[in-house]
Amino acid sequence: MTSQTLTRDINSIRRLGINALTEKLGPVGMVEFMRQFDSGYGDYTKERHTWLNNLTVEEISDEIKKSK
């Protein structure tokens, strides 16, 4: 390991990594690879209750049938 490697800051490492991924995978492949590490945000379980609490099974079934 060279002294240059030890003194790189996080932004330089990130830029070099993105450049390497883009070179090997192409821009679309690089984005797809990076998306694997996005954990999102919020609490899906709590938010889901605000969307679904007032719906019946029949209403949900009707919406599914409409979308097909």
PDB file of N, CA and C in Angstrom:
ATOM      1  N   MET A   1       0.846  -1.174   0.000  1.00  0.00           N
ATOM      2  CA  MET A   1       0.000   0.000   0.000  1.00  0.00           C
ATOM      3  C   MET A   1       0.889   1.235   0.000  1.00  0.00           C
ATOM      4  N   THR A   2       0.654   2.136  -0.905  1.00  0.00           N
ATOM      5  CA  THR A   2       1.482   3.324  -1.007  1.00  0.00           C
ATOM      6  C   THR A   2       0.988   4.403  -0.059  1.00  0.00           C
ATOM      7  N   SER A   3       1.834   5.403   0.178  1.00  0.00           N
ATOM      8  CA  SER A   3       1.422   6.516   1.037  1.00  0.00           C
ATOM      9  C   SER A   3       0.292   7.307   0.395  1.00  0.00           C
ATOM     10  N   GLN A   4       0.236   7.303  -0.956  1.00  0.00           N
ATOM     11  CA  GLN A   4      -0.854   8.004  -1.650  1.00  0.00           C
ATOM     12  C   GLN A   4      -2.193   7.362  -1.292  1.00  0.00           C
ATOM     13  N   THR A   5      -2.234   6.042  -1.227  1.00  0.00           N
ATOM     14  CA  THR A   5      -3.457   5.334  -0.879  1.00  0.00           C
ATOM     15  C   THR A   5      -3.904   5.712   0.528  1.00  0.00           C
ATOM     16  N   LEU A   6      -2.986   5.848   1.433  1.00  0.00           N
ATOM     17  CA  LEU A   6      -3.322   6.158   2.817  1.00  0.00           C
ATOM     18  C   LEU A   6      -3.840   7.577   2.996  1.00  0.00           C
ATOM     19  N   THR A   7      -3.458   8.489   2.119  1.00  0.00           N
ATOM     20  CA  THR A   7      -3.833   9.883   2.307  1.00  0.00           C
ATOM     21  C   THR A   7      -5.064  10.302   1.501  1.00  0.00           C
ATOM     22  N   ARG A   8      -5.669   9.405   0.759  1.00  0.00           N
ATOM     23  CA  ARG A   8      -6.877   9.757  -0.009  1.00  0.00           C
ATOM     24  C   ARG A   8      -8.035  10.049   0.939  1.00  0.00           C
ATOM     25  N   ASP A   9      -8.785  11.058   0.604  1.00  0.00           N
ATOM     26  CA  ASP A   9      -9.966  11.347   1.413  1.00  0.00           C
ATOM     27  C   ASP A   9     -11.156  10.562   0.868  1.00  0.00           C
ATOM     28  N   ILE A  10     -12.233  10.524   1.611  1.00  0.00           N
ATOM     29  CA  ILE A  10     -13.388   9.719   1.254  1.00  0.00           C
ATOM     30  C   ILE A  10     -13.992  10.135  -0.083  1.00  0.00           C
ATOM     31  N   ASN A  11     -13.982  11.417  -0.407  1.00  0.00           N
ATOM     32  CA  ASN A  11     -14.527  11.865  -1.689  1.00  0.00           C
ATOM     33  C   ASN A  11     -13.699  11.341  -2.858  1.00  0.00           C
ATOM     34  N   SER A  12     -12.394  11.312  -2.704  1.00  0.00           N
ATOM     35  CA  SER A  12     -11.532  10.770  -3.756  1.00  0.00           C
ATOM     36  C   SER A  12     -11.784   9.283  -3.942  1.00  0.00           C
ATOM     37  N   ILE A  13     -11.916   8.564  -2.848  1.00  0.00           N
ATOM     38  CA  ILE A  13     -12.172   7.127  -2.925  1.00  0.00           C
ATOM     39  C   ILE A  13     -13.520   6.875  -3.588  1.00  0.00           C
ATOM     40  N   ARG A  14     -14.532   7.653  -3.210  1.00  0.00           N
ATOM     41  CA  ARG A  14     -15.864   7.496  -3.812  1.00  0.00           C
ATOM     42  C   ARG A  14     -15.803   7.760  -5.322  1.00  0.00           C
ATOM     43  N   ARG A  15     -15.121   8.837  -5.713  1.00  0.00           N
ATOM     44  CA  ARG A  15     -15.013   9.181  -7.133  1.00  0.00           C
ATOM     45  C   ARG A  15     -14.288   8.081  -7.905  1.00  0.00           C
ATOM     46  N   LEU A  16     -13.179   7.579  -7.363  1.00  0.00           N
ATOM     47  CA  LEU A  16     -12.437   6.507  -8.028  1.00  0.00           C
ATOM     48  C   LEU A  16     -13.291   5.246  -8.142  1.00  0.00           C
ATOM     49  N   GLY A  17     -14.052   4.935  -7.108  1.00  0.00           N
ATOM     50  CA  GLY A  17     -14.920   3.760  -7.136  1.00  0.00           C
ATOM     51  C   GLY A  17     -16.013   3.878  -8.175  1.00  0.00           C
ATOM     52  N   ILE A  18     -16.655   5.037  -8.233  1.00  0.00           N
ATOM     53  CA  ILE A  18     -17.708   5.256  -9.224  1.00  0.00           C
ATOM     54  C   ILE A  18     -17.135   5.198 -10.631  1.00  0.00           C
ATOM     55  N   ASN A  19     -15.971   5.777 -10.812  1.00  0.00           N
ATOM     56  CA  ASN A  19     -15.323   5.719 -12.132  1.00  0.00           C
ATOM     57  C   ASN A  19     -15.007   4.274 -12.525  1.00  0.00           C
ATOM     58  N   ALA A  20     -14.501   3.477 -11.578  1.00  0.00           N
ATOM     59  CA  ALA A  20     -14.171   2.084 -11.872  1.00  0.00           C
ATOM     60  C   ALA A  20     -15.429   1.288 -12.210  1.00  0.00           C
ATOM     61  N   LEU A  21     -16.496   1.489 -11.430  1.00  0.00           N
ATOM     62  CA  LEU A  21     -17.751   0.793 -11.713  1.00  0.00           C
ATOM     63  C   LEU A  21     -18.304   1.186 -13.078  1.00  0.00           C
ATOM     64  N   THR A  22     -18.263   2.476 -13.377  1.00  0.00           N
ATOM     65  CA  THR A  22     -18.785   2.958 -14.659  1.00  0.00           C
ATOM     66  C   THR A  22     -17.981   2.379 -15.817  1.00  0.00           C
ATOM     67  N   GLU A  23     -16.674   2.304 -15.643  1.00  0.00           N
ATOM     68  CA  GLU A  23     -15.817   1.760 -16.698  1.00  0.00           C
ATOM     69  C   GLU A  23     -16.119   0.286 -16.950  1.00  0.00           C
ATOM     70  N   LYS A  24     -16.309  -0.478 -15.896  1.00  0.00           N
ATOM     71  CA  LYS A  24     -16.523  -1.924 -16.037  1.00  0.00           C
ATOM     72  C   LYS A  24     -17.971  -2.301 -16.343  1.00  0.00           C
ATOM     73  N   LEU A  25     -18.935  -1.548 -15.781  1.00  0.00           N
ATOM     74  CA  LEU A  25     -20.345  -1.921 -15.900  1.00  0.00           C
ATOM     75  C   LEU A  25     -21.150  -1.018 -16.817  1.00  0.00           C
ATOM     76  N   GLY A  26     -20.591   0.130 -17.171  1.00  0.00           N
ATOM     77  CA  GLY A  26     -21.354   1.127 -17.915  1.00  0.00           C
ATOM     78  C   GLY A  26     -22.199   1.941 -16.941  1.00  0.00           C
ATOM     79  N   PRO A  27     -22.724   3.070 -17.399  1.00  0.00           N
ATOM     80  CA  PRO A  27     -23.473   3.948 -16.492  1.00  0.00           C
ATOM     81  C   PRO A  27     -24.701   3.280 -15.875  1.00  0.00           C
ATOM     82  N   VAL A  28     -25.449   2.534 -16.669  1.00  0.00           N
ATOM     83  CA  VAL A  28     -26.663   1.892 -16.151  1.00  0.00           C
ATOM     84  C   VAL A  28     -26.296   0.804 -15.141  1.00  0.00           C
ATOM     85  N   GLY A  29     -25.299   0.016 -15.465  1.00  0.00           N
ATOM     86  CA  GLY A  29     -24.844  -1.033 -14.552  1.00  0.00           C
ATOM     87  C   GLY A  29     -24.325  -0.458 -13.242  1.00  0.00           C
ATOM     88  N   MET A  30     -23.618   0.662 -13.333  1.00  0.00           N
ATOM     89  CA  MET A  30     -23.110   1.305 -12.126  1.00  0.00           C
ATOM     90  C   MET A  30     -24.262   1.727 -11.229  1.00  0.00           C
ATOM     91  N   VAL A  31     -25.305   2.338 -11.814  1.00  0.00           N
ATOM     92  CA  VAL A  31     -26.456   2.780 -11.022  1.00  0.00           C
ATOM     93  C   VAL A  31     -27.159   1.581 -10.405  1.00  0.00           C
ATOM     94  N   GLU A  32     -27.359   0.520 -11.166  1.00  0.00           N
ATOM     95  CA  GLU A  32     -28.004  -0.677 -10.636  1.00  0.00           C
ATOM     96  C   GLU A  32     -27.206  -1.264  -9.476  1.00  0.00           C
ATOM     97  N   PHE A  33     -25.889  -1.279  -9.606  1.00  0.00           N
ATOM     98  CA  PHE A  33     -25.035  -1.776  -8.527  1.00  0.00           C
ATOM     99  C   PHE A  33     -25.191  -0.908  -7.281  1.00  0.00           C
ATOM    100  N   MET A  34     -25.170   0.402  -7.455  1.00  0.00           N
ATOM    101  CA  MET A  34     -25.256   1.312  -6.307  1.00  0.00           C
ATOM    102  C   MET A  34     -26.616   1.208  -5.611  1.00  0.00           C
ATOM    103  N   ARG A  35     -27.672   0.935  -6.358  1.00  0.00           N
ATOM    104  CA  ARG A  35     -29.016   0.821  -5.763  1.00  0.00           C
ATOM    105  C   ARG A  35     -29.117  -0.323  -4.766  1.00  0.00           C
ATOM    106  N   GLN A  36     -28.245  -1.305  -4.886  1.00  0.00           N
ATOM    107  CA  GLN A  36     -28.272  -2.431  -3.953  1.00  0.00           C
ATOM    108  C   GLN A  36     -28.013  -1.983  -2.521  1.00  0.00           C
ATOM    109  N   PHE A  37     -27.378  -0.855  -2.353  1.00  0.00           N
ATOM    110  CA  PHE A  37     -26.954  -0.416  -1.034  1.00  0.00           C
ATOM    111  C   PHE A  37     -27.832   0.691  -0.467  1.00  0.00           C
ATOM    112  N   ASP A  38     -28.932   1.009  -1.152  1.00  0.00           N
ATOM    113  CA  ASP A  38     -29.852   2.022  -0.665  1.00  0.00           C
ATOM    114  C   ASP A  38     -30.925   1.337   0.163  1.00  0.00           C
ATOM    115  N   SER A  39     -30.912   1.577   1.456  1.00  0.00           N
ATOM    116  CA  SER A  39     -31.874   0.904   2.334  1.00  0.00           C
ATOM    117  C   SER A  39     -33.189   1.662   2.428  1.00  0.00           C
ATOM    118  N   GLY A  40     -33.293   2.779   1.749  1.00  0.00           N
ATOM    119  CA  GLY A  40     -34.529   3.552   1.803  1.00  0.00           C
ATOM    120  C   GLY A  40     -34.640   4.320   3.100  1.00  0.00           C
ATOM    121  N   TYR A  41     -35.839   4.741   3.401  1.00  0.00           N
ATOM    122  CA  TYR A  41     -36.050   5.508   4.619  1.00  0.00           C
ATOM    123  C   TYR A  41     -37.482   5.314   5.083  1.00  0.00           C
ATOM    124  N   GLY A  42     -37.744   5.731   6.291  1.00  0.00           N
ATOM    125  CA  GLY A  42     -39.090   5.621   6.837  1.00  0.00           C
ATOM    126  C   GLY A  42     -39.347   4.252   7.447  1.00  0.00           C
ATOM    127  N   ASP A  43     -40.577   4.055   7.878  1.00  0.00           N
ATOM    128  CA  ASP A  43     -40.994   2.794   8.481  1.00  0.00           C
ATOM    129  C   ASP A  43     -42.179   2.275   7.675  1.00  0.00           C
ATOM    130  N   TYR A  44     -41.902   1.384   6.743  1.00  0.00           N
ATOM    131  CA  TYR A  44     -42.923   0.886   5.830  1.00  0.00           C
ATOM    132  C   TYR A  44     -44.094   0.267   6.589  1.00  0.00           C
ATOM    133  N   THR A  45     -43.809  -0.471   7.653  1.00  0.00           N
ATOM    134  CA  THR A  45     -44.870  -1.151   8.390  1.00  0.00           C
ATOM    135  C   THR A  45     -45.861  -0.153   8.975  1.00  0.00           C
ATOM    136  N   LYS A  46     -45.364   0.911   9.579  1.00  0.00           N
ATOM    137  CA  LYS A  46     -46.264   1.932  10.138  1.00  0.00           C
ATOM    138  C   LYS A  46     -47.005   2.674   9.031  1.00  0.00           C
ATOM    139  N   GLU A  47     -46.298   3.022   7.959  1.00  0.00           N
ATOM    140  CA  GLU A  47     -46.917   3.763   6.861  1.00  0.00           C
ATOM    141  C   GLU A  47     -47.983   2.932   6.156  1.00  0.00           C
ATOM    142  N   ARG A  48     -47.759   1.639   6.049  1.00  0.00           N
ATOM    143  CA  ARG A  48     -48.708   0.754   5.383  1.00  0.00           C
ATOM    144  C   ARG A  48     -50.067   0.798   6.072  1.00  0.00           C
ATOM    145  N   HIS A  49     -50.067   0.896   7.382  1.00  0.00           N
ATOM    146  CA  HIS A  49     -51.336   0.948   8.118  1.00  0.00           C
ATOM    147  C   HIS A  49     -52.148   2.189   7.768  1.00  0.00           C
ATOM    148  N   THR A  50     -51.480   3.297   7.468  1.00  0.00           N
ATOM    149  CA  THR A  50     -52.229   4.503   7.095  1.00  0.00           C
ATOM    150  C   THR A  50     -52.877   4.337   5.732  1.00  0.00           C
ATOM    151  N   TRP A  51     -52.309   3.493   4.863  1.00  0.00           N
ATOM    152  CA  TRP A  51     -52.875   3.273   3.538  1.00  0.00           C
ATOM    153  C   TRP A  51     -53.976   2.222   3.549  1.00  0.00           C
ATOM    154  N   LEU A  52     -53.804   1.204   4.399  1.00  0.00           N
ATOM    155  CA  LEU A  52     -54.653   0.025   4.285  1.00  0.00           C
ATOM    156  C   LEU A  52     -55.675  -0.168   5.400  1.00  0.00           C
ATOM    157  N   ASN A  53     -55.556   0.533   6.495  1.00  0.00           N
ATOM    158  CA  ASN A  53     -56.430   0.271   7.643  1.00  0.00           C
ATOM    159  C   ASN A  53     -57.915   0.372   7.317  1.00  0.00           C
ATOM    160  N   ASN A  54     -58.312   1.263   6.453  1.00  0.00           N
ATOM    161  CA  ASN A  54     -59.729   1.473   6.196  1.00  0.00           C
ATOM    162  C   ASN A  54     -60.251   0.696   4.992  1.00  0.00           C
ATOM    163  N   LEU A  55     -59.410  -0.137   4.391  1.00  0.00           N
ATOM    164  CA  LEU A  55     -59.834  -0.905   3.214  1.00  0.00           C
ATOM    165  C   LEU A  55     -60.272  -2.308   3.625  1.00  0.00           C
ATOM    166  N   THR A  56     -61.316  -2.791   2.960  1.00  0.00           N
ATOM    167  CA  THR A  56     -61.738  -4.176   3.163  1.00  0.00           C
ATOM    168  C   THR A  56     -61.026  -5.062   2.151  1.00  0.00           C
ATOM    169  N   VAL A  57     -61.072  -6.355   2.381  1.00  0.00           N
ATOM    170  CA  VAL A  57     -60.477  -7.308   1.451  1.00  0.00           C
ATOM    171  C   VAL A  57     -61.158  -7.181   0.088  1.00  0.00           C
ATOM    172  N   GLU A  58     -62.459  -6.964   0.096  1.00  0.00           N
ATOM    173  CA  GLU A  58     -63.202  -6.824  -1.156  1.00  0.00           C
ATOM    174  C   GLU A  58     -62.737  -5.595  -1.939  1.00  0.00           C
ATOM    175  N   GLU A  59     -62.508  -4.491  -1.246  1.00  0.00           N
ATOM    176  CA  GLU A  59     -62.036  -3.279  -1.921  1.00  0.00           C
ATOM    177  C   GLU A  59     -60.651  -3.491  -2.536  1.00  0.00           C
ATOM    178  N   ILE A  60     -59.798  -4.143  -1.791  1.00  0.00           N
ATOM    179  CA  ILE A  60     -58.456  -4.431  -2.304  1.00  0.00           C
ATOM    180  C   ILE A  60     -58.553  -5.347  -3.522  1.00  0.00           C
ATOM    181  N   SER A  61     -59.398  -6.355  -3.435  1.00  0.00           N
ATOM    182  CA  SER A  61     -59.596  -7.281  -4.554  1.00  0.00           C
ATOM    183  C   SER A  61     -60.124  -6.556  -5.779  1.00  0.00           C
ATOM    184  N   ASP A  62     -61.085  -5.667  -5.585  1.00  0.00           N
ATOM    185  CA  ASP A  62     -61.635  -4.881  -6.697  1.00  0.00           C
ATOM    186  C   ASP A  62     -60.568  -4.025  -7.367  1.00  0.00           C
ATOM    187  N   GLU A  63     -59.704  -3.413  -6.565  1.00  0.00           N
ATOM    188  CA  GLU A  63     -58.628  -2.575  -7.128  1.00  0.00           C
ATOM    189  C   GLU A  63     -57.652  -3.422  -7.936  1.00  0.00           C
ATOM    190  N   ILE A  64     -57.357  -4.608  -7.455  1.00  0.00           N
ATOM    191  CA  ILE A  64     -56.451  -5.503  -8.192  1.00  0.00           C
ATOM    192  C   ILE A  64     -57.076  -5.882  -9.535  1.00  0.00           C
ATOM    193  N   LYS A  65     -58.359  -6.223  -9.505  1.00  0.00           N
ATOM    194  CA  LYS A  65     -59.043  -6.595 -10.747  1.00  0.00           C
ATOM    195  C   LYS A  65     -59.088  -5.435 -11.733  1.00  0.00           C
ATOM    196  N   LYS A  66     -59.280  -4.214 -11.231  1.00  0.00           N
ATOM    197  CA  LYS A  66     -59.309  -3.035 -12.121  1.00  0.00           C
ATOM    198  C   LYS A  66     -57.963  -2.823 -12.803  1.00  0.00           C
ATOM    199  N   SER A  67     -56.887  -3.105 -12.091  1.00  0.00           N
ATOM    200  CA  SER A  67     -55.552  -2.825 -12.638  1.00  0.00           C
ATOM    201  C   SER A  67     -55.120  -3.856 -13.683  1.00  0.00           C
ATOM    202  N   LYS A  68     -55.820  -4.984 -13.758  1.00  0.00           N
ATOM    203  CA  LYS A  68     -55.426  -6.035 -14.725  1.00  0.00           C
ATOM    204  C   LYS A  68     -55.980  -5.791 -16.079  1.00  0.00           C
TER     205      LYS A  68
END
